[in-house]
Amino acid sequence: MSGHDLSSFLTKPRIHYGSLEEHDRIVRGQSSFGQQRGLTLDELGDDDHQDTTESAARARAEQQAMLEEFERKKMAKSVAVPTIDAEVRRRLREEGEPQTLFGEGPADRRERLRGILVRKARESQLAPTSEQGESEEATESEEEEEEEEFFTLGRDELVDARRDIASFCIPRAKRRLAAHRAELEIPFTQRKRIKHEWYTHVKTFETKSLQYGDERPLSYCSFAPNSKVIATASFSGTLKLWSVPQLEKLHTLRGHNARVSGLDFHPNSTIGQSPSVLNLASGALDGSVHLWSFDKETPIASLQGHDMRVARVAFHPSGRYIGTASFDKTWRLWDAETQKELLMQEGHSREVFAIGFQGDGSLVATGGFDSIGRVWDLRTGRSIWTIEGHVKHILCLDWSPNGHQIATGSEDNAIRVWDVRQTKNVYTIPAHKNLVTQVR
């Protein structure tokens, strides 16, 4: 570059944008002279410090709320809440709370009572008093008294029946377990295919026949063991036998003076049992239980003992014993041959509505209007499990062929499947929009 060009470049006007170094030094706390400088109190401010403190406080509060919620749920599981709606209302009155709120159902009312009891329990834990300690001791002593077992002397007929049932159920249980083991030896893919084929077959079910059973509404029906006969019961007190699938009337049984609410076939009926002997049992609204043969229109015998409605009747798998569930809050075991009452069993706080024997014959399950079910060991007479989970009346139950599962249907519109071995609910079927009256 020549001297003339250099001089013209230096004299040319230029635009100066300023240096970024000065701003950078100020940000890093240095003066324009390169000296280190701290921030003044006014420059520091405390907004960031306040934000940090407030966020930490909020985090602690949220953590504490989560812990309190966890403790509340843990305590709620341990609080005993009545399942009967009338009892729930009574407890709410005792707590000074309204019996019901607008749009509140029994299940919601029960949960509200649970929340009140949990809150009261937590308050009592935070502020214990001597009076509370005395009341807790009194409650514990009352519970100990309630849990105390008592026994009554059994008659010789009952002892013989228990021994007979034990000798009957052991071989059947052995055969059932052997069949179960044999099923497990089938490859899984083959078992899955069999179940899928059965499921496909069930989806093809449709109405095969239609028949008017009586002039008044029908209250119950049941298939005979050979599946070629069906029995119906009506509000008029009559029972009728029909052929399957033609639904031609085969026989009419008359003897009840009130609505028939339950019936059951003898385990050997229509598959070897003579028509002239006991083939059918039924119970009615007036507490009567009649035994029927197929060659007479009138009962061949009756079971006397219930004073209130007999809701369900069931034969023991041996065919020698009959179980009845009644509104007198008891279920009873009868000798089918002698028509004697062998056992009158209490245990439900309200009406007993359902009864069913396990396939082996060793256990019997009952369900009632107290929303609970019970499983009883017929060999010892003990109640071995209390089924709790339904919020309304249990209206039906039945045992699975595998011997360890029970299905229950309730007025709460749900079907629940229970495992006796695990003593818990393993599956719930919420498919119905109204009460469930029968399961098989």
Protein backbone atom coordinates (compact mmCIF):
# COMPACT_ATOMS: atom_id res chain seq x y z
CA MET A 1 0.00 0.00 0.00
CA SER A 2 1.41 3.48 -0.94
CA GLY A 3 1.71 6.39 1.48
CA HIS A 4 -1.09 8.24 -0.26
CA ASP A 5 -3.47 5.34 0.20
CA LEU A 6 -2.53 4.96 3.88
CA SER A 7 -3.16 8.62 4.63
CA SER A 8 -6.53 8.56 2.87
CA PHE A 9 -7.54 5.45 4.94
CA LEU A 10 -6.56 7.05 8.25
CA THR A 11 -8.41 10.28 7.46
CA LYS A 12 -11.57 8.40 6.39
CA PRO A 13 -14.43 8.76 8.96
CA ARG A 14 -15.16 5.58 10.97
CA ILE A 15 -18.03 4.42 13.17
CA HIS A 16 -16.98 3.21 16.69
CA TYR A 17 -19.36 0.66 18.32
CA GLY A 18 -17.55 0.44 21.63
CA SER A 19 -15.81 -2.50 23.34
CA LEU A 20 -17.52 -5.43 25.07
CA GLU A 21 -14.64 -5.89 27.50
CA GLU A 22 -15.84 -3.10 29.80
CA HIS A 23 -19.31 -4.66 30.13
CA ASP A 24 -17.77 -8.08 30.71
CA ARG A 25 -15.57 -6.73 33.51
CA ILE A 26 -18.58 -5.13 35.19
CA VAL A 27 -20.47 -8.41 35.08
CA ARG A 28 -17.52 -10.26 36.61
CA GLY A 29 -17.22 -7.64 39.34
CA GLN A 30 -14.22 -5.73 37.97
CA SER A 31 -13.96 -2.02 37.47
CA SER A 32 -12.98 -0.37 34.25
CA PHE A 33 -9.48 -0.09 35.68
CA GLY A 34 -9.15 -3.85 36.02
CA GLN A 35 -9.58 -3.94 39.81
CA GLN A 36 -11.67 -6.65 41.54
CA ARG A 37 -14.85 -5.19 43.01
CA GLY A 38 -17.58 -6.89 45.04
CA LEU A 39 -21.29 -6.24 44.90
CA THR A 40 -22.83 -3.71 47.25
CA LEU A 41 -25.71 -4.58 49.58
CA ASP A 42 -28.09 -2.65 47.36
CA GLU A 43 -26.85 -4.47 44.26
CA LEU A 44 -27.07 -7.88 45.96
CA GLY A 45 -30.76 -7.88 46.84
CA ASP A 46 -32.43 -10.89 48.50
CA ASP A 47 -34.98 -11.97 45.86
CA ASP A 48 -33.06 -15.09 44.84
CA HIS A 49 -32.48 -16.02 48.47
CA GLN A 50 -36.18 -15.62 49.21
CA ASP A 51 -37.12 -17.74 46.21
CA THR A 52 -34.78 -20.51 47.36
CA THR A 53 -36.15 -20.46 50.91
CA GLU A 54 -39.76 -20.46 49.74
CA SER A 55 -39.20 -23.35 47.31
CA ALA A 56 -37.52 -25.39 50.04
CA ALA A 57 -40.42 -24.68 52.39
CA ARG A 58 -42.92 -25.72 49.74
CA ALA A 59 -40.99 -28.93 49.10
CA ARG A 60 -40.97 -29.75 52.82
CA ALA A 61 -44.69 -29.00 53.06
CA GLU A 62 -45.46 -31.23 50.07
CA GLN A 63 -43.34 -34.02 51.51
CA GLN A 64 -45.09 -33.72 54.86
CA ALA A 65 -48.48 -33.79 53.14
CA MET A 66 -47.50 -36.93 51.25
CA LEU A 67 -46.40 -38.61 54.48
CA GLU A 68 -49.65 -37.62 56.20
CA GLU A 69 -51.68 -38.96 53.27
CA PHE A 70 -49.74 -42.22 53.36
CA GLU A 71 -50.33 -42.57 57.10
CA ARG A 72 -54.01 -41.75 56.61
CA LYS A 73 -54.43 -44.45 53.96
CA LYS A 74 -52.52 -46.90 56.12
CA MET A 75 -54.77 -46.15 59.07
CA ALA A 76 -57.90 -46.30 56.89
CA LYS A 77 -57.11 -49.90 55.97
CA SER A 78 -56.93 -50.87 59.63
CA VAL A 79 -60.15 -49.11 60.67
CA ALA A 80 -63.13 -51.45 60.98
CA VAL A 81 -66.16 -49.95 59.24
CA PRO A 82 -69.60 -51.63 59.30
CA THR A 83 -70.82 -53.07 56.00
CA ILE A 84 -74.52 -52.85 56.87
CA ASP A 85 -76.01 -49.54 55.79
CA ALA A 86 -78.25 -49.25 58.87
CA GLU A 87 -75.22 -49.72 61.12
CA VAL A 88 -73.29 -47.11 59.13
CA ARG A 89 -76.13 -44.61 59.65
CA ARG A 90 -76.19 -45.37 63.36
CA ARG A 91 -72.44 -44.77 63.69
CA LEU A 92 -72.73 -41.48 61.81
CA ARG A 93 -75.42 -40.35 64.25
CA GLU A 94 -73.14 -41.25 67.16
CA GLU A 95 -70.37 -39.15 65.62
CA GLY A 96 -72.72 -36.17 65.25
CA GLU A 97 -72.64 -36.32 61.46
CA PRO A 98 -75.59 -36.29 59.03
CA GLN A 99 -76.86 -39.74 58.19
CA THR A 100 -76.82 -39.09 54.47
CA LEU A 101 -75.85 -36.38 52.03
CA PHE A 102 -77.48 -35.41 48.77
CA GLY A 103 -76.79 -38.00 46.08
CA GLU A 104 -74.86 -40.21 48.50
CA GLY A 105 -75.15 -43.99 48.16
CA PRO A 106 -74.35 -46.71 50.73
CA ALA A 107 -70.78 -47.13 49.48
CA ASP A 108 -70.11 -43.37 49.61
CA ARG A 109 -71.68 -43.17 53.07
CA ARG A 110 -69.43 -45.99 54.25
CA GLU A 111 -66.33 -44.22 52.92
CA ARG A 112 -67.40 -40.98 54.63
CA LEU A 113 -67.70 -42.84 57.93
CA ARG A 114 -64.27 -44.36 57.34
CA GLY A 115 -62.78 -40.88 56.86
CA ILE A 116 -64.44 -39.63 60.05
CA LEU A 117 -63.15 -42.57 62.07
CA VAL A 118 -59.64 -42.15 60.65
CA ARG A 119 -59.62 -38.44 61.48
CA LYS A 120 -60.85 -39.17 64.99
CA ALA A 121 -58.23 -41.87 65.46
CA ARG A 122 -55.45 -39.53 64.33
CA GLU A 123 -56.63 -36.79 66.67
CA SER A 124 -56.72 -39.24 69.55
CA GLN A 125 -53.16 -40.34 68.72
CA LEU A 126 -51.94 -36.76 68.74
CA ALA A 127 -53.64 -35.97 72.08
CA PRO A 128 -53.85 -39.15 74.18
CA THR A 129 -55.59 -38.95 77.54
CA SER A 130 -55.97 -41.23 80.49
CA GLU A 131 -59.67 -41.67 79.74
CA GLN A 132 -58.79 -42.77 76.23
CA GLY A 133 -56.31 -45.29 77.62
CA GLU A 134 -58.99 -46.69 79.90
CA SER A 135 -61.48 -46.89 77.01
CA GLU A 136 -58.89 -48.64 74.82
CA GLU A 137 -58.21 -51.16 77.57
CA ALA A 138 -61.95 -51.73 77.95
CA THR A 139 -62.31 -52.17 74.18
CA GLU A 140 -59.44 -54.66 74.10
CA SER A 141 -60.97 -56.62 76.96
CA GLU A 142 -64.32 -56.64 75.15
CA GLU A 143 -62.65 -57.87 71.96
CA GLU A 144 -60.91 -60.60 73.92
CA GLU A 145 -64.26 -61.62 75.36
CA GLU A 146 -65.85 -61.60 71.91
CA GLU A 147 -63.05 -63.70 70.42
CA GLU A 148 -63.38 -66.30 73.14
CA GLU A 149 -64.47 -69.59 71.59
CA PHE A 150 -67.32 -71.58 73.00
CA PHE A 151 -68.54 -75.06 72.22
CA THR A 152 -71.79 -76.92 72.57
CA LEU A 153 -72.12 -80.64 72.96
CA GLY A 154 -72.92 -82.29 69.63
CA ARG A 155 -75.37 -85.11 69.31
CA ASP A 156 -74.27 -88.57 68.29
CA GLU A 157 -76.01 -88.14 64.92
CA LEU A 158 -73.90 -85.05 64.19
CA VAL A 159 -70.68 -86.80 65.20
CA ASP A 160 -71.53 -89.72 62.92
CA ALA A 161 -72.36 -87.30 60.11
CA ARG A 162 -69.00 -85.53 60.45
CA ARG A 163 -67.17 -88.84 60.31
CA ASP A 164 -69.20 -89.92 57.31
CA ILE A 165 -68.46 -86.65 55.51
CA ALA A 166 -64.73 -86.98 56.26
CA SER A 167 -64.60 -90.51 54.86
CA PHE A 168 -66.57 -89.37 51.81
CA CYS A 169 -64.54 -86.28 50.93
CA ILE A 170 -61.00 -87.67 51.22
CA PRO A 171 -61.19 -90.03 48.17
CA ARG A 172 -62.92 -87.33 46.14
CA ALA A 173 -60.23 -84.80 47.01
CA LYS A 174 -57.57 -87.32 46.02
CA ARG A 175 -59.19 -87.85 42.61
CA ARG A 176 -59.60 -84.11 42.09
CA LEU A 177 -55.93 -83.42 42.82
CA ALA A 178 -54.86 -86.26 40.54
CA ALA A 179 -56.97 -84.82 37.72
CA HIS A 180 -55.47 -81.38 38.33
CA ARG A 181 -51.92 -82.76 38.14
CA ALA A 182 -52.79 -84.58 34.93
CA GLU A 183 -54.11 -81.33 33.47
CA LEU A 184 -50.85 -79.58 34.31
CA GLU A 185 -48.95 -82.18 32.30
CA ILE A 186 -50.77 -81.05 29.15
CA PRO A 187 -48.59 -78.57 27.21
CA PHE A 188 -49.48 -74.97 27.85
CA THR A 189 -50.23 -74.22 24.20
CA GLN A 190 -52.69 -77.10 24.07
CA ARG A 191 -54.44 -75.98 27.26
CA LYS A 192 -54.66 -72.46 25.88
CA ARG A 193 -56.19 -73.77 22.66
CA ILE A 194 -58.79 -75.80 24.59
CA LYS A 195 -59.79 -72.73 26.60
CA HIS A 196 -60.01 -70.63 23.45
CA GLU A 197 -62.23 -73.22 21.78
CA TRP A 198 -64.50 -73.26 24.82
CA TYR A 199 -64.64 -69.48 24.84
CA THR A 200 -65.55 -69.49 21.14
CA HIS A 201 -68.27 -72.05 21.85
CA VAL A 202 -69.74 -69.93 24.67
CA LYS A 203 -70.03 -66.94 22.36
CA THR A 204 -72.36 -68.97 20.13
CA PHE A 205 -74.97 -69.42 22.91
CA GLU A 206 -78.41 -68.20 21.96
CA THR A 207 -82.03 -68.68 22.99
CA LYS A 208 -82.99 -72.23 22.07
CA SER A 209 -86.53 -72.46 23.43
CA LEU A 210 -89.11 -70.31 25.15
CA GLN A 211 -91.83 -71.48 27.50
CA TYR A 212 -94.23 -69.87 29.95
CA GLY A 213 -93.68 -71.70 33.21
CA ASP A 214 -96.62 -70.57 35.31
CA GLU A 215 -99.43 -68.08 35.66
CA ARG A 216 -97.40 -66.23 38.27
CA PRO A 217 -93.72 -65.12 38.07
CA LEU A 218 -91.01 -67.78 38.22
CA SER A 219 -88.73 -67.49 41.24
CA TYR A 220 -86.09 -70.17 40.60
CA CYS A 221 -84.93 -72.81 38.13
CA SER A 222 -82.28 -75.52 38.07
CA PHE A 223 -80.99 -78.16 35.67
CA ALA A 224 -81.00 -81.85 36.59
CA PRO A 225 -77.61 -83.67 36.71
CA ASN A 226 -78.18 -85.21 33.26
CA SER A 227 -78.95 -81.75 31.76
CA LYS A 228 -82.05 -83.16 30.05
CA VAL A 229 -84.55 -81.94 32.66
CA ILE A 230 -85.08 -78.50 34.15
CA ALA A 231 -87.17 -77.69 37.22
CA THR A 232 -88.90 -74.34 37.73
CA ALA A 233 -90.48 -72.82 40.85
CA SER A 234 -93.01 -70.03 40.94
CA PHE A 235 -94.71 -67.54 43.22
CA SER A 236 -97.76 -69.80 43.24
CA GLY A 237 -95.88 -72.48 45.20
CA THR A 238 -95.82 -75.09 42.41
CA LEU A 239 -92.82 -76.79 40.87
CA LYS A 240 -92.73 -78.09 37.31
CA LEU A 241 -90.35 -80.36 35.43
CA TRP A 242 -89.63 -79.70 31.76
CA SER A 243 -87.74 -81.58 29.08
CA VAL A 244 -84.63 -80.02 27.52
CA PRO A 245 -84.49 -78.60 24.90
CA GLN A 246 -88.13 -79.10 23.85
CA LEU A 247 -89.45 -77.62 27.13
CA GLU A 248 -92.39 -79.99 27.26
CA LYS A 249 -93.96 -80.26 30.70
CA LEU A 250 -93.14 -83.61 32.32
CA HIS A 251 -94.46 -83.29 35.85
CA THR A 252 -96.10 -80.87 38.29
CA LEU A 253 -95.34 -80.90 42.02
CA ARG A 254 -97.79 -79.30 44.45
CA GLY A 255 -97.38 -78.90 48.18
CA HIS A 256 -96.11 -75.42 49.06
CA ASN A 257 -98.59 -72.80 50.17
CA ALA A 258 -96.23 -69.88 49.55
CA ARG A 259 -93.65 -68.73 47.05
CA VAL A 260 -90.88 -71.24 46.41
CA SER A 261 -87.49 -69.50 46.71
CA GLY A 262 -85.04 -72.36 46.26
CA LEU A 263 -84.73 -75.90 44.92
CA ASP A 264 -82.03 -78.43 44.15
CA PHE A 265 -81.73 -81.86 42.53
CA HIS A 266 -80.28 -84.88 44.27
CA PRO A 267 -76.72 -85.48 42.91
CA ASN A 268 -77.82 -88.85 41.45
CA SER A 269 -81.21 -87.72 40.19
CA THR A 270 -81.88 -88.60 36.51
CA ILE A 271 -78.55 -90.49 36.28
CA GLY A 272 -79.34 -93.65 38.21
CA GLN A 273 -81.67 -92.59 41.00
CA SER A 274 -85.07 -94.28 40.98
CA PRO A 275 -87.99 -91.88 40.27
CA SER A 276 -89.83 -93.26 43.31
CA VAL A 277 -87.22 -92.07 45.85
CA LEU A 278 -85.90 -88.67 46.86
CA ASN A 279 -84.91 -86.68 43.77
CA LEU A 280 -85.63 -83.04 44.58
CA ALA A 281 -85.79 -80.65 47.55
CA SER A 282 -87.37 -77.22 47.74
CA GLY A 283 -87.81 -74.39 50.25
CA ALA A 284 -90.47 -71.71 50.46
CA LEU A 285 -91.37 -68.35 51.91
CA ASP A 286 -93.28 -69.87 54.84
CA GLY A 287 -90.22 -71.77 56.12
CA SER A 288 -91.30 -75.15 54.75
CA VAL A 289 -88.84 -77.55 53.12
CA HIS A 290 -90.33 -80.39 51.06
CA LEU A 291 -88.71 -83.50 49.60
CA TRP A 292 -90.02 -84.84 46.30
CA SER A 293 -90.00 -87.95 44.15
CA PHE A 294 -90.89 -88.03 40.45
CA ASP A 295 -93.83 -90.42 40.67
CA LYS A 296 -95.98 -88.35 43.06
CA GLU A 297 -97.34 -84.83 42.90
CA THR A 298 -97.17 -84.35 46.67
CA PRO A 299 -94.09 -84.30 48.95
CA ILE A 300 -92.75 -87.61 50.24
CA ALA A 301 -91.37 -85.89 53.37
CA SER A 302 -90.81 -82.47 54.95
CA LEU A 303 -88.08 -80.88 57.07
CA GLN A 304 -89.48 -79.07 60.10
CA GLY A 305 -87.45 -76.46 61.97
CA HIS A 306 -87.30 -73.10 60.19
CA ASP A 307 -89.77 -70.46 61.33
CA MET A 308 -88.96 -67.95 58.58
CA ARG A 309 -88.33 -67.95 54.86
CA VAL A 310 -86.01 -70.63 53.46
CA ALA A 311 -84.08 -68.80 50.75
CA ARG A 312 -81.94 -71.61 49.33
CA VAL A 313 -81.69 -75.39 49.48
CA ALA A 314 -78.63 -77.46 48.51
CA PHE A 315 -77.78 -81.16 48.48
CA HIS A 316 -74.45 -82.36 49.83
CA PRO A 317 -72.42 -84.12 47.07
CA SER A 318 -73.02 -87.42 48.84
CA GLY A 319 -76.78 -86.93 48.54
CA ARG A 320 -77.25 -87.97 52.14
CA TYR A 321 -77.41 -84.47 53.62
CA ILE A 322 -79.30 -81.28 52.80
CA GLY A 323 -78.31 -77.71 53.64
CA THR A 324 -80.83 -74.87 54.00
CA ALA A 325 -80.30 -71.10 54.32
CA SER A 326 -82.98 -69.13 56.11
CA PHE A 327 -84.08 -65.67 57.10
CA ASP A 328 -83.91 -66.76 60.75
CA LYS A 329 -80.15 -65.95 60.52
CA THR A 330 -79.14 -69.62 60.56
CA TRP A 331 -78.23 -72.33 58.12
CA ARG A 332 -79.04 -75.92 58.94
CA LEU A 333 -77.81 -79.38 58.02
CA TRP A 334 -80.35 -82.20 57.69
CA ASP A 335 -80.20 -85.95 57.28
CA ALA A 336 -82.03 -86.64 54.03
CA GLU A 337 -82.82 -90.22 55.03
CA THR A 338 -84.24 -89.60 58.50
CA GLN A 339 -85.31 -85.95 57.97
CA LYS A 340 -83.65 -85.04 61.29
CA GLU A 341 -81.95 -81.75 61.93
CA LEU A 342 -78.27 -82.45 62.56
CA LEU A 343 -76.96 -78.91 62.95
CA MET A 344 -78.36 -75.41 63.44
CA GLN A 345 -75.47 -73.06 62.74
CA GLU A 346 -75.40 -69.39 63.64
CA GLY A 347 -72.72 -66.94 62.52
CA HIS A 348 -74.45 -64.33 60.35
CA SER A 349 -75.82 -61.15 61.87
CA ARG A 350 -78.63 -60.93 59.32
CA GLU A 351 -80.64 -63.20 57.03
CA VAL A 352 -78.76 -66.06 55.37
CA PHE A 353 -79.59 -66.14 51.69
CA ALA A 354 -77.11 -68.41 49.88
CA ILE A 355 -75.55 -71.80 50.57
CA GLY A 356 -73.34 -74.11 48.53
CA PHE A 357 -71.28 -77.25 49.14
CA GLN A 358 -67.77 -77.76 47.82
CA GLY A 359 -67.39 -80.56 45.27
CA ASP A 360 -65.39 -82.74 47.66
CA GLY A 361 -68.06 -82.33 50.33
CA SER A 362 -65.72 -81.17 53.10
CA LEU A 363 -66.64 -77.47 53.04
CA VAL A 364 -69.79 -75.40 52.79
CA ALA A 365 -70.08 -71.68 52.05
CA THR A 366 -72.89 -69.37 53.13
CA GLY A 367 -73.71 -65.75 52.31
CA GLY A 368 -76.25 -63.34 53.68
CA PHE A 369 -77.71 -59.90 54.00
CA ASP A 370 -74.85 -58.86 56.29
CA SER A 371 -72.74 -58.59 53.10
CA ILE A 372 -70.31 -61.26 54.24
CA GLY A 373 -69.79 -64.90 53.41
CA ARG A 374 -68.46 -67.69 55.56
CA VAL A 375 -66.70 -70.92 54.75
CA TRP A 376 -67.34 -73.77 57.18
CA ASP A 377 -65.50 -77.06 57.63
CA LEU A 378 -68.17 -79.74 57.93
CA ARG A 379 -65.69 -82.20 59.45
CA THR A 380 -64.94 -79.99 62.47
CA GLY A 381 -67.75 -77.43 62.49
CA ARG A 382 -65.36 -74.47 62.45
CA SER A 383 -65.76 -71.28 60.45
CA ILE A 384 -62.41 -71.23 58.65
CA TRP A 385 -62.78 -67.99 56.67
CA THR A 386 -64.93 -64.87 56.57
CA ILE A 387 -65.43 -63.46 53.06
CA GLU A 388 -65.49 -59.66 53.18
CA GLY A 389 -65.64 -57.35 50.17
CA HIS A 390 -69.21 -56.91 49.02
CA VAL A 391 -70.95 -53.71 50.13
CA LYS A 392 -74.49 -55.08 49.80
CA HIS A 393 -76.37 -58.34 50.29
CA ILE A 394 -74.80 -61.55 48.97
CA LEU A 395 -77.56 -63.23 46.97
CA CYS A 396 -75.81 -66.26 45.45
CA LEU A 397 -72.61 -68.28 45.47
CA ASP A 398 -71.14 -71.39 43.92
CA TRP A 399 -67.95 -73.42 44.09
CA SER A 400 -65.57 -73.95 41.20
CA PRO A 401 -64.85 -77.57 40.19
CA ASN A 402 -61.21 -76.95 41.19
CA GLY A 403 -62.37 -76.97 44.82
CA HIS A 404 -60.59 -73.84 46.01
CA GLN A 405 -62.43 -70.96 44.34
CA ILE A 406 -65.84 -69.46 45.11
CA ALA A 407 -67.91 -67.08 43.01
CA THR A 408 -70.35 -64.76 44.80
CA GLY A 409 -73.02 -62.48 43.35
CA SER A 410 -74.36 -59.48 45.22
CA GLU A 411 -76.89 -56.70 45.25
CA ASP A 412 -73.95 -54.33 44.61
CA ASN A 413 -74.07 -55.56 40.95
CA ALA A 414 -70.67 -57.27 41.19
CA ILE A 415 -69.48 -60.86 40.91
CA ARG A 416 -66.37 -61.64 42.93
CA VAL A 417 -64.15 -64.70 42.68
CA TRP A 418 -62.41 -65.75 45.89
CA ASP A 419 -59.50 -68.11 46.49
CA VAL A 420 -59.87 -70.15 49.67
CA ARG A 421 -56.17 -71.00 49.73
CA GLN A 422 -55.07 -67.36 49.57
CA THR A 423 -58.14 -66.14 51.50
CA LYS A 424 -58.59 -63.15 49.22
CA ASN A 425 -60.54 -61.80 46.27
CA VAL A 426 -58.68 -62.75 43.08
CA TYR A 427 -61.03 -61.34 40.45
CA THR A 428 -64.01 -59.00 40.20
CA ILE A 429 -66.53 -58.95 37.34
CA PRO A 430 -68.25 -55.53 37.22
CA ALA A 431 -70.32 -56.39 34.14
CA HIS A 432 -73.86 -56.16 35.52
CA LYS A 433 -75.89 -52.98 35.85
CA ASN A 434 -78.27 -54.51 38.38
CA LEU A 435 -78.17 -57.04 41.22
CA VAL A 436 -76.81 -60.54 40.55
CA THR A 437 -79.18 -63.31 41.65
CA GLN A 438 -77.40 -66.48 40.50
CA VAL A 439 -73.92 -67.73 39.58
CA ARG A 440 -72.72 -71.13 38.43
